[in-house]
Amino acid sequence: MAQEAYARLPETFRALCEGLVIRVEDFPTEEVLDAMGAESEFDLLGLFQGVGLPFQSTQVSGQMPNMVWLYRRPILDYWAEHEDTLGAIVTHVLVHEIGHHFGLSDDDMESIEASVD
């Protein structure tokens, strides 16, 4: 579902994410929860890890690929409590995890989400 949501994003947005790896895990790790100051393993729906486009350098080698983590159980829990479709929630998490890292405004991200079929 995450790969399908990513494939439906506008090409210009996906171009910012060349080589992006999308991972789905049940929950964030304890290290991630501590680093993000989360009170519960259900507090995070997703996370972007990597180096954003404005900060990438051709002179640095050996960097890990940019990654978006989607946390399945928190997403499902959120879905159970809201009226949005599961696909809309997954798309929202993807766009926001990538978009905030690249410095996009909330309006920009809403526009990107609206353009998804």
PDB file of N, CA and C in Angstrom:
ATOM      1  N   MET A   1       0.825  -1.182   0.000  1.00  0.00           N
ATOM      2  CA  MET A   1       0.000   0.000   0.000  1.00  0.00           C
ATOM      3  C   MET A   1       0.883   1.266   0.000  1.00  0.00           C
ATOM      4  N   ALA A   2       1.968   1.235   0.764  1.00  0.00           N
ATOM      5  CA  ALA A   2       2.863   2.394   0.826  1.00  0.00           C
ATOM      6  C   ALA A   2       3.538   2.639  -0.525  1.00  0.00           C
ATOM      7  N   GLN A   3       3.983   1.578  -1.171  1.00  0.00           N
ATOM      8  CA  GLN A   3       4.614   1.722  -2.479  1.00  0.00           C
ATOM      9  C   GLN A   3       3.623   2.272  -3.504  1.00  0.00           C
ATOM     10  N   GLU A   4       2.387   1.800  -3.436  1.00  0.00           N
ATOM     11  CA  GLU A   4       1.353   2.289  -4.355  1.00  0.00           C
ATOM     12  C   GLU A   4       1.049   3.762  -4.104  1.00  0.00           C
ATOM     13  N   ALA A   5       0.976   4.146  -2.843  1.00  0.00           N
ATOM     14  CA  ALA A   5       0.727   5.553  -2.513  1.00  0.00           C
ATOM     15  C   ALA A   5       1.874   6.421  -3.016  1.00  0.00           C
ATOM     16  N   TYR A   6       3.096   5.951  -2.835  1.00  0.00           N
ATOM     17  CA  TYR A   6       4.268   6.694  -3.301  1.00  0.00           C
ATOM     18  C   TYR A   6       4.236   6.841  -4.826  1.00  0.00           C
ATOM     19  N   ALA A   7       3.883   5.777  -5.532  1.00  0.00           N
ATOM     20  CA  ALA A   7       3.858   5.804  -6.996  1.00  0.00           C
ATOM     21  C   ALA A   7       2.818   6.787  -7.529  1.00  0.00           C
ATOM     22  N   ARG A   8       1.772   7.068  -6.756  1.00  0.00           N
ATOM     23  CA  ARG A   8       0.732   8.000  -7.192  1.00  0.00           C
ATOM     24  C   ARG A   8       1.083   9.461  -6.908  1.00  0.00           C
ATOM     25  N   LEU A   9       2.158   9.713  -6.190  1.00  0.00           N
ATOM     26  CA  LEU A   9       2.565  11.096  -5.915  1.00  0.00           C
ATOM     27  C   LEU A   9       3.055  11.742  -7.205  1.00  0.00           C
ATOM     28  N   PRO A  10       2.947  13.065  -7.304  1.00  0.00           N
ATOM     29  CA  PRO A  10       3.408  13.749  -8.521  1.00  0.00           C
ATOM     30  C   PRO A  10       4.885  13.464  -8.802  1.00  0.00           C
ATOM     31  N   GLU A  11       5.199  13.331 -10.078  1.00  0.00           N
ATOM     32  CA  GLU A  11       6.576  13.034 -10.492  1.00  0.00           C
ATOM     33  C   GLU A  11       7.566  14.066  -9.951  1.00  0.00           C
ATOM     34  N   THR A  12       7.187  15.337  -9.943  1.00  0.00           N
ATOM     35  CA  THR A  12       8.112  16.371  -9.455  1.00  0.00           C
ATOM     36  C   THR A  12       8.446  16.153  -7.980  1.00  0.00           C
ATOM     37  N   PHE A  13       7.489  15.677  -7.221  1.00  0.00           N
ATOM     38  CA  PHE A  13       7.720  15.395  -5.803  1.00  0.00           C
ATOM     39  C   PHE A  13       8.604  14.162  -5.648  1.00  0.00           C
ATOM     40  N   ARG A  14       8.301  13.110  -6.396  1.00  0.00           N
ATOM     41  CA  ARG A  14       9.111  11.893  -6.322  1.00  0.00           C
ATOM     42  C   ARG A  14      10.539  12.136  -6.788  1.00  0.00           C
ATOM     43  N   ALA A  15      10.718  13.082  -7.716  1.00  0.00           N
ATOM     44  CA  ALA A  15      12.068  13.389  -8.204  1.00  0.00           C
ATOM     45  C   ALA A  15      12.965  13.900  -7.078  1.00  0.00           C
ATOM     46  N   LEU A  16      12.373  14.534  -6.082  1.00  0.00           N
ATOM     47  CA  LEU A  16      13.143  15.005  -4.925  1.00  0.00           C
ATOM     48  C   LEU A  16      13.658  13.845  -4.084  1.00  0.00           C
ATOM     49  N   CYS A  17      13.107  12.687  -4.306  1.00  0.00           N
ATOM     50  CA  CYS A  17      13.340  11.531  -3.434  1.00  0.00           C
ATOM     51  C   CYS A  17      14.054  10.397  -4.136  1.00  0.00           C
ATOM     52  N   GLU A  18      14.851  10.706  -5.121  1.00  0.00           N
ATOM     53  CA  GLU A  18      15.528   9.646  -5.867  1.00  0.00           C
ATOM     54  C   GLU A  18      16.239   8.697  -4.909  1.00  0.00           C
ATOM     55  N   GLY A  19      15.967   7.421  -5.074  1.00  0.00           N
ATOM     56  CA  GLY A  19      16.588   6.409  -4.229  1.00  0.00           C
ATOM     57  C   GLY A  19      15.938   6.235  -2.864  1.00  0.00           C
ATOM     58  N   LEU A  20      14.825   6.885  -2.624  1.00  0.00           N
ATOM     59  CA  LEU A  20      14.144   6.786  -1.337  1.00  0.00           C
ATOM     60  C   LEU A  20      13.743   5.344  -1.049  1.00  0.00           C
ATOM     61  N   VAL A  21      13.984   4.904   0.165  1.00  0.00           N
ATOM     62  CA  VAL A  21      13.581   3.577   0.609  1.00  0.00           C
ATOM     63  C   VAL A  21      12.415   3.757   1.575  1.00  0.00           C
ATOM     64  N   ILE A  22      11.340   3.012   1.335  1.00  0.00           N
ATOM     65  CA  ILE A  22      10.179   3.063   2.221  1.00  0.00           C
ATOM     66  C   ILE A  22      10.134   1.757   2.994  1.00  0.00           C
ATOM     67  N   ARG A  23      10.140   1.877   4.318  1.00  0.00           N
ATOM     68  CA  ARG A  23      10.100   0.699   5.185  1.00  0.00           C
ATOM     69  C   ARG A  23       8.849   0.749   6.048  1.00  0.00           C
ATOM     70  N   VAL A  24       8.253  -0.376   6.259  1.00  0.00           N
ATOM     71  CA  VAL A  24       7.095  -0.487   7.136  1.00  0.00           C
ATOM     72  C   VAL A  24       7.490  -1.396   8.296  1.00  0.00           C
ATOM     73  N   GLU A  25       7.312  -0.884   9.490  1.00  0.00           N
ATOM     74  CA  GLU A  25       7.580  -1.642  10.715  1.00  0.00           C
ATOM     75  C   GLU A  25       6.350  -1.539  11.597  1.00  0.00           C
ATOM     76  N   ASP A  26       6.193  -2.470  12.507  1.00  0.00           N
ATOM     77  CA  ASP A  26       5.045  -2.404  13.409  1.00  0.00           C
ATOM     78  C   ASP A  26       5.085  -1.147  14.275  1.00  0.00           C
ATOM     79  N   PHE A  27       6.238  -0.866  14.872  1.00  0.00           N
ATOM     80  CA  PHE A  27       6.393   0.275  15.773  1.00  0.00           C
ATOM     81  C   PHE A  27       7.784   0.885  15.593  1.00  0.00           C
ATOM     82  N   PRO A  28       7.946   2.151  16.004  1.00  0.00           N
ATOM     83  CA  PRO A  28       9.292   2.732  16.030  1.00  0.00           C
ATOM     84  C   PRO A  28      10.140   2.037  17.093  1.00  0.00           C
ATOM     85  N   THR A  29      11.451   2.091  16.914  1.00  0.00           N
ATOM     86  CA  THR A  29      12.362   1.525  17.904  1.00  0.00           C
ATOM     87  C   THR A  29      12.366   2.390  19.159  1.00  0.00           C
ATOM     88  N   GLU A  30      12.861   1.827  20.236  1.00  0.00           N
ATOM     89  CA  GLU A  30      12.998   2.594  21.486  1.00  0.00           C
ATOM     90  C   GLU A  30      13.902   3.807  21.272  1.00  0.00           C
ATOM     91  N   GLU A  31      14.954   3.647  20.473  1.00  0.00           N
ATOM     92  CA  GLU A  31      15.872   4.754  20.199  1.00  0.00           C
ATOM     93  C   GLU A  31      15.148   5.897  19.502  1.00  0.00           C
ATOM     94  N   VAL A  32      14.310   5.568  18.532  1.00  0.00           N
ATOM     95  CA  VAL A  32      13.545   6.587  17.802  1.00  0.00           C
ATOM     96  C   VAL A  32      12.562   7.268  18.749  1.00  0.00           C
ATOM     97  N   LEU A  33      11.858   6.480  19.544  1.00  0.00           N
ATOM     98  CA  LEU A  33      10.897   7.055  20.495  1.00  0.00           C
ATOM     99  C   LEU A  33      11.596   8.020  21.449  1.00  0.00           C
ATOM    100  N   ASP A  34      12.764   7.623  21.956  1.00  0.00           N
ATOM    101  CA  ASP A  34      13.522   8.502  22.858  1.00  0.00           C
ATOM    102  C   ASP A  34      13.980   9.762  22.147  1.00  0.00           C
ATOM    103  N   ALA A  35      14.528   9.609  20.932  1.00  0.00           N
ATOM    104  CA  ALA A  35      15.040  10.760  20.180  1.00  0.00           C
ATOM    105  C   ALA A  35      13.932  11.754  19.832  1.00  0.00           C
ATOM    106  N   MET A  36      12.739  11.243  19.575  1.00  0.00           N
ATOM    107  CA  MET A  36      11.619  12.106  19.191  1.00  0.00           C
ATOM    108  C   MET A  36      10.825  12.597  20.399  1.00  0.00           C
ATOM    109  N   GLY A  37      11.175  12.134  21.591  1.00  0.00           N
ATOM    110  CA  GLY A  37      10.462  12.545  22.787  1.00  0.00           C
ATOM    111  C   GLY A  37       9.039  12.017  22.841  1.00  0.00           C
ATOM    112  N   ALA A  38       8.801  10.882  22.219  1.00  0.00           N
ATOM    113  CA  ALA A  38       7.457  10.291  22.189  1.00  0.00           C
ATOM    114  C   ALA A  38       7.135   9.671  23.539  1.00  0.00           C
ATOM    115  N   GLU A  39       5.891   9.826  23.946  1.00  0.00           N
ATOM    116  CA  GLU A  39       5.454   9.253  25.216  1.00  0.00           C
ATOM    117  C   GLU A  39       4.976   7.816  25.059  1.00  0.00           C
ATOM    118  N   SER A  40       4.559   7.462  23.847  1.00  0.00           N
ATOM    119  CA  SER A  40       4.001   6.135  23.596  1.00  0.00           C
ATOM    120  C   SER A  40       4.471   5.658  22.225  1.00  0.00           C
ATOM    121  N   GLU A  41       4.488   4.358  22.052  1.00  0.00           N
ATOM    122  CA  GLU A  41       4.861   3.801  20.749  1.00  0.00           C
ATOM    123  C   GLU A  41       3.813   4.098  19.686  1.00  0.00           C
ATOM    124  N   PHE A  42       2.653   4.613  20.099  1.00  0.00           N
ATOM    125  CA  PHE A  42       1.602   4.990  19.155  1.00  0.00           C
ATOM    126  C   PHE A  42       1.667   6.463  18.754  1.00  0.00           C
ATOM    127  N   ASP A  43       2.635   7.213  19.310  1.00  0.00           N
ATOM    128  CA  ASP A  43       2.722   8.649  19.035  1.00  0.00           C
ATOM    129  C   ASP A  43       3.240   8.977  17.637  1.00  0.00           C
ATOM    130  N   LEU A  44       4.011   8.099  17.036  1.00  0.00           N
ATOM    131  CA  LEU A  44       4.602   8.366  15.720  1.00  0.00           C
ATOM    132  C   LEU A  44       3.965   7.479  14.661  1.00  0.00           C
ATOM    133  N   LEU A  45       3.486   8.115  13.601  1.00  0.00           N
ATOM    134  CA  LEU A  45       2.941   7.361  12.475  1.00  0.00           C
ATOM    135  C   LEU A  45       4.015   7.071  11.439  1.00  0.00           C
ATOM    136  N   GLY A  46       5.025   7.928  11.387  1.00  0.00           N
ATOM    137  CA  GLY A  46       6.092   7.767  10.414  1.00  0.00           C
ATOM    138  C   GLY A  46       7.289   8.613  10.765  1.00  0.00           C
ATOM    139  N   LEU A  47       8.370   8.413  10.013  1.00  0.00           N
ATOM    140  CA  LEU A  47       9.609   9.143  10.258  1.00  0.00           C
ATOM    141  C   LEU A  47      10.420   9.190   8.972  1.00  0.00           C
ATOM    142  N   PHE A  48      11.033  10.341   8.698  1.00  0.00           N
ATOM    143  CA  PHE A  48      11.984  10.456   7.589  1.00  0.00           C
ATOM    144  C   PHE A  48      13.378  10.426   8.186  1.00  0.00           C
ATOM    145  N   GLN A  49      14.246   9.592   7.640  1.00  0.00           N
ATOM    146  CA  GLN A  49      15.642   9.571   8.037  1.00  0.00           C
ATOM    147  C   GLN A  49      16.495   9.732   6.793  1.00  0.00           C
ATOM    148  N   GLY A  50      17.402  10.668   6.837  1.00  0.00           N
ATOM    149  CA  GLY A  50      18.282  10.865   5.700  1.00  0.00           C
ATOM    150  C   GLY A  50      18.760  12.286   5.612  1.00  0.00           C
ATOM    151  N   VAL A  51      19.233  12.620   4.430  1.00  0.00           N
ATOM    152  CA  VAL A  51      19.762  13.952   4.157  1.00  0.00           C
ATOM    153  C   VAL A  51      18.873  14.580   3.093  1.00  0.00           C
ATOM    154  N   GLY A  52      18.221  15.673   3.461  1.00  0.00           N
ATOM    155  CA  GLY A  52      17.330  16.345   2.528  1.00  0.00           C
ATOM    156  C   GLY A  52      18.071  16.936   1.353  1.00  0.00           C
ATOM    157  N   LEU A  53      17.346  17.117   0.274  1.00  0.00           N
ATOM    158  CA  LEU A  53      17.922  17.618  -0.964  1.00  0.00           C
ATOM    159  C   LEU A  53      18.768  18.877  -0.778  1.00  0.00           C
ATOM    160  N   PRO A  54      18.317  19.879  -0.024  1.00  0.00           N
ATOM    161  CA  PRO A  54      19.126  21.084   0.124  1.00  0.00           C
ATOM    162  C   PRO A  54      20.457  20.839   0.840  1.00  0.00           C
ATOM    163  N   PHE A  55      20.581  19.715   1.544  1.00  0.00           N
ATOM    164  CA  PHE A  55      21.766  19.453   2.353  1.00  0.00           C
ATOM    165  C   PHE A  55      22.673  18.387   1.757  1.00  0.00           C
ATOM    166  N   GLN A  56      22.266  17.802   0.612  1.00  0.00           N
ATOM    167  CA  GLN A  56      23.070  16.757   0.010  1.00  0.00           C
ATOM    168  C   GLN A  56      24.296  17.346  -0.670  1.00  0.00           C
ATOM    169  N   SER A  57      25.361  16.565  -0.666  1.00  0.00           N
ATOM    170  CA  SER A  57      26.614  17.003  -1.270  1.00  0.00           C
ATOM    171  C   SER A  57      27.167  15.871  -2.132  1.00  0.00           C
ATOM    172  N   THR A  58      27.680  16.246  -3.291  1.00  0.00           N
ATOM    173  CA  THR A  58      28.298  15.240  -4.154  1.00  0.00           C
ATOM    174  C   THR A  58      29.666  14.832  -3.640  1.00  0.00           C
ATOM    175  N   GLN A  59      30.204  15.604  -2.704  1.00  0.00           N
ATOM    176  CA  GLN A  59      31.539  15.317  -2.183  1.00  0.00           C
ATOM    177  C   GLN A  59      31.525  14.352  -1.009  1.00  0.00           C
ATOM    178  N   VAL A  60      30.341  14.021  -0.513  1.00  0.00           N
ATOM    179  CA  VAL A  60      30.229  13.078   0.591  1.00  0.00           C
ATOM    180  C   VAL A  60      29.836  11.730   0.000  1.00  0.00           C
ATOM    181  N   SER A  61      30.646  10.727   0.282  1.00  0.00           N
ATOM    182  CA  SER A  61      30.332   9.398  -0.252  1.00  0.00           C
ATOM    183  C   SER A  61      29.944   8.464   0.890  1.00  0.00           C
ATOM    184  N   GLY A  62      29.328   7.380   0.512  1.00  0.00           N
ATOM    185  CA  GLY A  62      28.993   6.359   1.493  1.00  0.00           C
ATOM    186  C   GLY A  62      27.785   6.671   2.359  1.00  0.00           C
ATOM    187  N   GLN A  63      26.953   7.622   1.927  1.00  0.00           N
ATOM    188  CA  GLN A  63      25.766   7.931   2.710  1.00  0.00           C
ATOM    189  C   GLN A  63      24.729   6.837   2.553  1.00  0.00           C
ATOM    190  N   MET A  64      23.996   6.593   3.620  1.00  0.00           N
ATOM    191  CA  MET A  64      22.870   5.671   3.562  1.00  0.00           C
ATOM    192  C   MET A  64      21.767   6.324   2.731  1.00  0.00           C
ATOM    193  N   PRO A  65      20.912   5.528   2.113  1.00  0.00           N
ATOM    194  CA  PRO A  65      19.812   6.124   1.336  1.00  0.00           C
ATOM    195  C   PRO A  65      18.804   6.808   2.266  1.00  0.00           C
ATOM    196  N   ASN A  66      18.094   7.784   1.717  1.00  0.00           N
ATOM    197  CA  ASN A  66      17.008   8.402   2.467  1.00  0.00           C
ATOM    198  C   ASN A  66      15.921   7.357   2.672  1.00  0.00           C
ATOM    199  N   MET A  67      15.318   7.384   3.871  1.00  0.00           N
ATOM    200  CA  MET A  67      14.315   6.378   4.213  1.00  0.00           C
ATOM    201  C   MET A  67      13.103   7.027   4.851  1.00  0.00           C
ATOM    202  N   VAL A  68      11.947   6.512   4.518  1.00  0.00           N
ATOM    203  CA  VAL A  68      10.717   6.860   5.229  1.00  0.00           C
ATOM    204  C   VAL A  68      10.253   5.595   5.925  1.00  0.00           C
ATOM    205  N   TRP A  69      10.024   5.721   7.212  1.00  0.00           N
ATOM    206  CA  TRP A  69       9.506   4.617   8.011  1.00  0.00           C
ATOM    207  C   TRP A  69       8.029   4.877   8.250  1.00  0.00           C
ATOM    208  N   LEU A  70       7.214   3.914   7.943  1.00  0.00           N
ATOM    209  CA  LEU A  70       5.793   3.960   8.267  1.00  0.00           C
ATOM    210  C   LEU A  70       5.559   2.938   9.371  1.00  0.00           C
ATOM    211  N   TYR A  71       4.893   3.382  10.423  1.00  0.00           N
ATOM    212  CA  TYR A  71       4.671   2.515  11.574  1.00  0.00           C
ATOM    213  C   TYR A  71       3.250   1.974  11.527  1.00  0.00           C
ATOM    214  N   ARG A  72       3.150   0.708  11.150  1.00  0.00           N
ATOM    215  CA  ARG A  72       1.893   0.050  10.827  1.00  0.00           C
ATOM    216  C   ARG A  72       0.869   0.105  11.956  1.00  0.00           C
ATOM    217  N   ARG A  73       1.253  -0.289  13.150  1.00  0.00           N
ATOM    218  CA  ARG A  73       0.270  -0.342  14.242  1.00  0.00           C
ATOM    219  C   ARG A  73      -0.244   1.044  14.625  1.00  0.00           C
ATOM    220  N   PRO A  74       0.604   2.061  14.764  1.00  0.00           N
ATOM    221  CA  PRO A  74       0.063   3.400  15.042  1.00  0.00           C
ATOM    222  C   PRO A  74      -0.831   3.920  13.915  1.00  0.00           C
ATOM    223  N   ILE A  75      -0.475   3.605  12.654  1.00  0.00           N
ATOM    224  CA  ILE A  75      -1.317   4.035  11.530  1.00  0.00           C
ATOM    225  C   ILE A  75      -2.676   3.344  11.601  1.00  0.00           C
ATOM    226  N   LEU A  76      -2.682   2.047  11.870  1.00  0.00           N
ATOM    227  CA  LEU A  76      -3.947   1.328  11.975  1.00  0.00           C
ATOM    228  C   LEU A  76      -4.789   1.837  13.146  1.00  0.00           C
ATOM    229  N   ASP A  77      -4.139   2.152  14.244  1.00  0.00           N
ATOM    230  CA  ASP A  77      -4.840   2.694  15.406  1.00  0.00           C
ATOM    231  C   ASP A  77      -5.464   4.046  15.075  1.00  0.00           C
ATOM    232  N   TYR A  78      -4.705   4.888  14.381  1.00  0.00           N
ATOM    233  CA  TYR A  78      -5.213   6.196  13.958  1.00  0.00           C
ATOM    234  C   TYR A  78      -6.410   6.011  13.026  1.00  0.00           C
ATOM    235  N   TRP A  79      -6.281   5.098  12.079  1.00  0.00           N
ATOM    236  CA  TRP A  79      -7.341   4.806  11.108  1.00  0.00           C
ATOM    237  C   TRP A  79      -8.628   4.382  11.814  1.00  0.00           C
ATOM    238  N   ALA A  80      -8.493   3.550  12.862  1.00  0.00           N
ATOM    239  CA  ALA A  80      -9.660   3.057  13.589  1.00  0.00           C
ATOM    240  C   ALA A  80     -10.410   4.177  14.300  1.00  0.00           C
ATOM    241  N   GLU A  81      -9.708   5.268  14.593  1.00  0.00           N
ATOM    242  CA  GLU A  81     -10.312   6.362  15.352  1.00  0.00           C
ATOM    243  C   GLU A  81     -10.743   7.544  14.491  1.00  0.00           C
ATOM    244  N   HIS A  82     -10.499   7.484  13.180  1.00  0.00           N
ATOM    245  CA  HIS A  82     -10.810   8.611  12.298  1.00  0.00           C
ATOM    246  C   HIS A  82     -11.600   8.127  11.079  1.00  0.00           C
ATOM    247  N   GLU A  83     -12.135   9.060  10.345  1.00  0.00           N
ATOM    248  CA  GLU A  83     -12.973   8.722   9.193  1.00  0.00           C
ATOM    249  C   GLU A  83     -12.197   8.597   7.883  1.00  0.00           C
ATOM    250  N   ASP A  84     -10.933   8.988   7.853  1.00  0.00           N
ATOM    251  CA  ASP A  84     -10.137   8.904   6.632  1.00  0.00           C
ATOM    252  C   ASP A  84      -9.945   7.449   6.220  1.00  0.00           C
ATOM    253  N   THR A  85      -9.769   7.229   4.906  1.00  0.00           N
ATOM    254  CA  THR A  85      -9.450   5.881   4.445  1.00  0.00           C
ATOM    255  C   THR A  85      -8.010   5.550   4.823  1.00  0.00           C
ATOM    256  N   LEU A  86      -7.708   4.280   4.892  1.00  0.00           N
ATOM    257  CA  LEU A  86      -6.347   3.865   5.211  1.00  0.00           C
ATOM    258  C   LEU A  86      -5.369   4.374   4.154  1.00  0.00           C
ATOM    259  N   GLY A  87      -5.763   4.310   2.884  1.00  0.00           N
ATOM    260  CA  GLY A  87      -4.901   4.814   1.816  1.00  0.00           C
ATOM    261  C   GLY A  87      -4.613   6.297   1.951  1.00  0.00           C
ATOM    262  N   ALA A  88      -5.618   7.073   2.343  1.00  0.00           N
ATOM    263  CA  ALA A  88      -5.420   8.516   2.531  1.00  0.00           C
ATOM    264  C   ALA A  88      -4.470   8.792   3.682  1.00  0.00           C
ATOM    265  N   ILE A  89      -4.556   8.004   4.733  1.00  0.00           N
ATOM    266  CA  ILE A  89      -3.658   8.189   5.880  1.00  0.00           C
ATOM    267  C   ILE A  89      -2.226   7.849   5.495  1.00  0.00           C
ATOM    268  N   VAL A  90      -2.043   6.739   4.792  1.00  0.00           N
ATOM    269  CA  VAL A  90      -0.693   6.349   4.360  1.00  0.00           C
ATOM    270  C   VAL A  90      -0.109   7.427   3.446  1.00  0.00           C
ATOM    271  N   THR A  91      -0.894   7.930   2.511  1.00  0.00           N
ATOM    272  CA  THR A  91      -0.426   8.995   1.623  1.00  0.00           C
ATOM    273  C   THR A  91      -0.070  10.240   2.423  1.00  0.00           C
ATOM    274  N   HIS A  92      -0.902  10.599   3.367  1.00  0.00           N
ATOM    275  CA  HIS A  92      -0.658  11.775   4.200  1.00  0.00           C
ATOM    276  C   HIS A  92       0.669  11.634   4.965  1.00  0.00           C
ATOM    277  N   VAL A  93       0.896  10.485   5.562  1.00  0.00           N
ATOM    278  CA  VAL A  93       2.134  10.265   6.322  1.00  0.00           C
ATOM    279  C   VAL A  93       3.336  10.341   5.390  1.00  0.00           C
ATOM    280  N   LEU A  94       3.265   9.703   4.229  1.00  0.00           N
ATOM    281  CA  LEU A  94       4.373   9.756   3.267  1.00  0.00           C
ATOM    282  C   LEU A  94       4.698  11.194   2.866  1.00  0.00           C
ATOM    283  N   VAL A  95       3.674  11.925   2.445  1.00  0.00           N
ATOM    284  CA  VAL A  95       3.887  13.293   1.973  1.00  0.00           C
ATOM    285  C   VAL A  95       4.464  14.153   3.087  1.00  0.00           C
ATOM    286  N   HIS A  96       3.946  14.029   4.287  1.00  0.00           N
ATOM    287  CA  HIS A  96       4.422  14.873   5.368  1.00  0.00           C
ATOM    288  C   HIS A  96       5.821  14.498   5.850  1.00  0.00           C
ATOM    289  N   GLU A  97       6.130  13.228   5.895  1.00  0.00           N
ATOM    290  CA  GLU A  97       7.485  12.847   6.321  1.00  0.00           C
ATOM    291  C   GLU A  97       8.522  13.333   5.317  1.00  0.00           C
ATOM    292  N   ILE A  98       8.225  13.199   4.046  1.00  0.00           N
ATOM    293  CA  ILE A  98       9.151  13.676   3.021  1.00  0.00           C
ATOM    294  C   ILE A  98       9.123  15.201   2.955  1.00  0.00           C
ATOM    295  N   GLY A  99       7.935  15.777   2.942  1.00  0.00           N
ATOM    296  CA  GLY A  99       7.771  17.220   2.757  1.00  0.00           C
ATOM    297  C   GLY A  99       8.362  18.076   3.853  1.00  0.00           C
ATOM    298  N   HIS A 100       8.153  17.711   5.093  1.00  0.00           N
ATOM    299  CA  HIS A 100       8.729  18.507   6.178  1.00  0.00           C
ATOM    300  C   HIS A 100      10.248  18.497   6.102  1.00  0.00           C
ATOM    301  N   HIS A 101      10.803  17.363   5.744  1.00  0.00           N
ATOM    302  CA  HIS A 101      12.260  17.271   5.645  1.00  0.00           C
ATOM    303  C   HIS A 101      12.814  18.186   4.554  1.00  0.00           C
ATOM    304  N   PHE A 102      12.053  18.370   3.489  1.00  0.00           N
ATOM    305  CA  PHE A 102      12.500  19.233   2.410  1.00  0.00           C
ATOM    306  C   PHE A 102      12.072  20.677   2.601  1.00  0.00           C
ATOM    307  N   GLY A 103      11.412  20.967   3.717  1.00  0.00           N
ATOM    308  CA  GLY A 103      11.045  22.335   4.012  1.00  0.00           C
ATOM    309  C   GLY A 103       9.799  22.820   3.293  1.00  0.00           C
ATOM    310  N   LEU A 104       8.957  21.911   2.847  1.00  0.00           N
ATOM    311  CA  LEU A 104       7.724  22.315   2.195  1.00  0.00           C
ATOM    312  C   LEU A 104       6.728  22.824   3.230  1.00  0.00           C
ATOM    313  N   SER A 105       5.922  23.778   2.828  1.00  0.00           N
ATOM    314  CA  SER A 105       4.900  24.306   3.728  1.00  0.00           C
ATOM    315  C   SER A 105       3.735  23.330   3.810  1.00  0.00           C
ATOM    316  N   ASP A 106       2.886  23.522   4.807  1.00  0.00           N
ATOM    317  CA  ASP A 106       1.688  22.692   4.922  1.00  0.00           C
ATOM    318  C   ASP A 106       0.800  22.864   3.689  1.00  0.00           C
ATOM    319  N   ASP A 107       0.716  24.092   3.166  1.00  0.00           N
ATOM    320  CA  ASP A 107      -0.076  24.326   1.959  1.00  0.00           C
ATOM    321  C   ASP A 107       0.484  23.545   0.770  1.00  0.00           C
ATOM    322  N   ASP A 108       1.820  23.533   0.636  1.00  0.00           N
ATOM    323  CA  ASP A 108       2.452  22.762  -0.445  1.00  0.00           C
ATOM    324  C   ASP A 108       2.114  21.283  -0.316  1.00  0.00           C
ATOM    325  N   MET A 109       2.194  20.770   0.905  1.00  0.00           N
ATOM    326  CA  MET A 109       1.925  19.351   1.119  1.00  0.00           C
ATOM    327  C   MET A 109       0.454  19.023   0.871  1.00  0.00           C
ATOM    328  N   GLU A 110      -0.441  19.920   1.269  1.00  0.00           N
ATOM    329  CA  GLU A 110      -1.868  19.700   1.004  1.00  0.00           C
ATOM    330  C   GLU A 110      -2.127  19.663  -0.498  1.00  0.00           C
ATOM    331  N   SER A 111      -1.447  20.517  -1.232  1.00  0.00           N
ATOM    332  CA  SER A 111      -1.595  20.540  -2.687  1.00  0.00           C
ATOM    333  C   SER A 111      -1.096  19.232  -3.307  1.00  0.00           C
ATOM    334  N   ILE A 112       0.001  18.727  -2.808  1.00  0.00           N
ATOM    335  CA  ILE A 112       0.548  17.459  -3.306  1.00  0.00           C
ATOM    336  C   ILE A 112      -0.431  16.333  -3.001  1.00  0.00           C
ATOM    337  N   GLU A 113      -0.937  16.286  -1.787  1.00  0.00           N
ATOM    338  CA  GLU A 113      -1.911  15.244  -1.426  1.00  0.00           C
ATOM    339  C   GLU A 113      -3.162  15.330  -2.291  1.00  0.00           C
ATOM    340  N   ALA A 114      -3.613  16.541  -2.571  1.00  0.00           N
ATOM    341  CA  ALA A 114      -4.828  16.728  -3.381  1.00  0.00           C
ATOM    342  C   ALA A 114      -4.633  16.257  -4.811  1.00  0.00           C
ATOM    343  N   SER A 115      -3.395  16.235  -5.287  1.00  0.00           N
ATOM    344  CA  SER A 115      -3.144  15.853  -6.670  1.00  0.00           C
ATOM    345  C   SER A 115      -3.064  14.337  -6.866  1.00  0.00           C
ATOM    346  N   VAL A 116      -3.081  13.572  -5.762  1.00  0.00           N
ATOM    347  CA  VAL A 116      -3.018  12.113  -5.850  1.00  0.00           C
ATOM    348  C   VAL A 116      -4.377  11.589  -6.272  1.00  0.00           C
ATOM    349  N   ASP A 117      -4.404  10.646  -7.265  1.00  0.00           N
ATOM    350  CA  ASP A 117      -5.701  10.094  -7.707  1.00  0.00           C
ATOM    351  C   ASP A 117      -6.287   9.248  -6.615  1.00  0.00           C
TER     352      ASP A 117
END
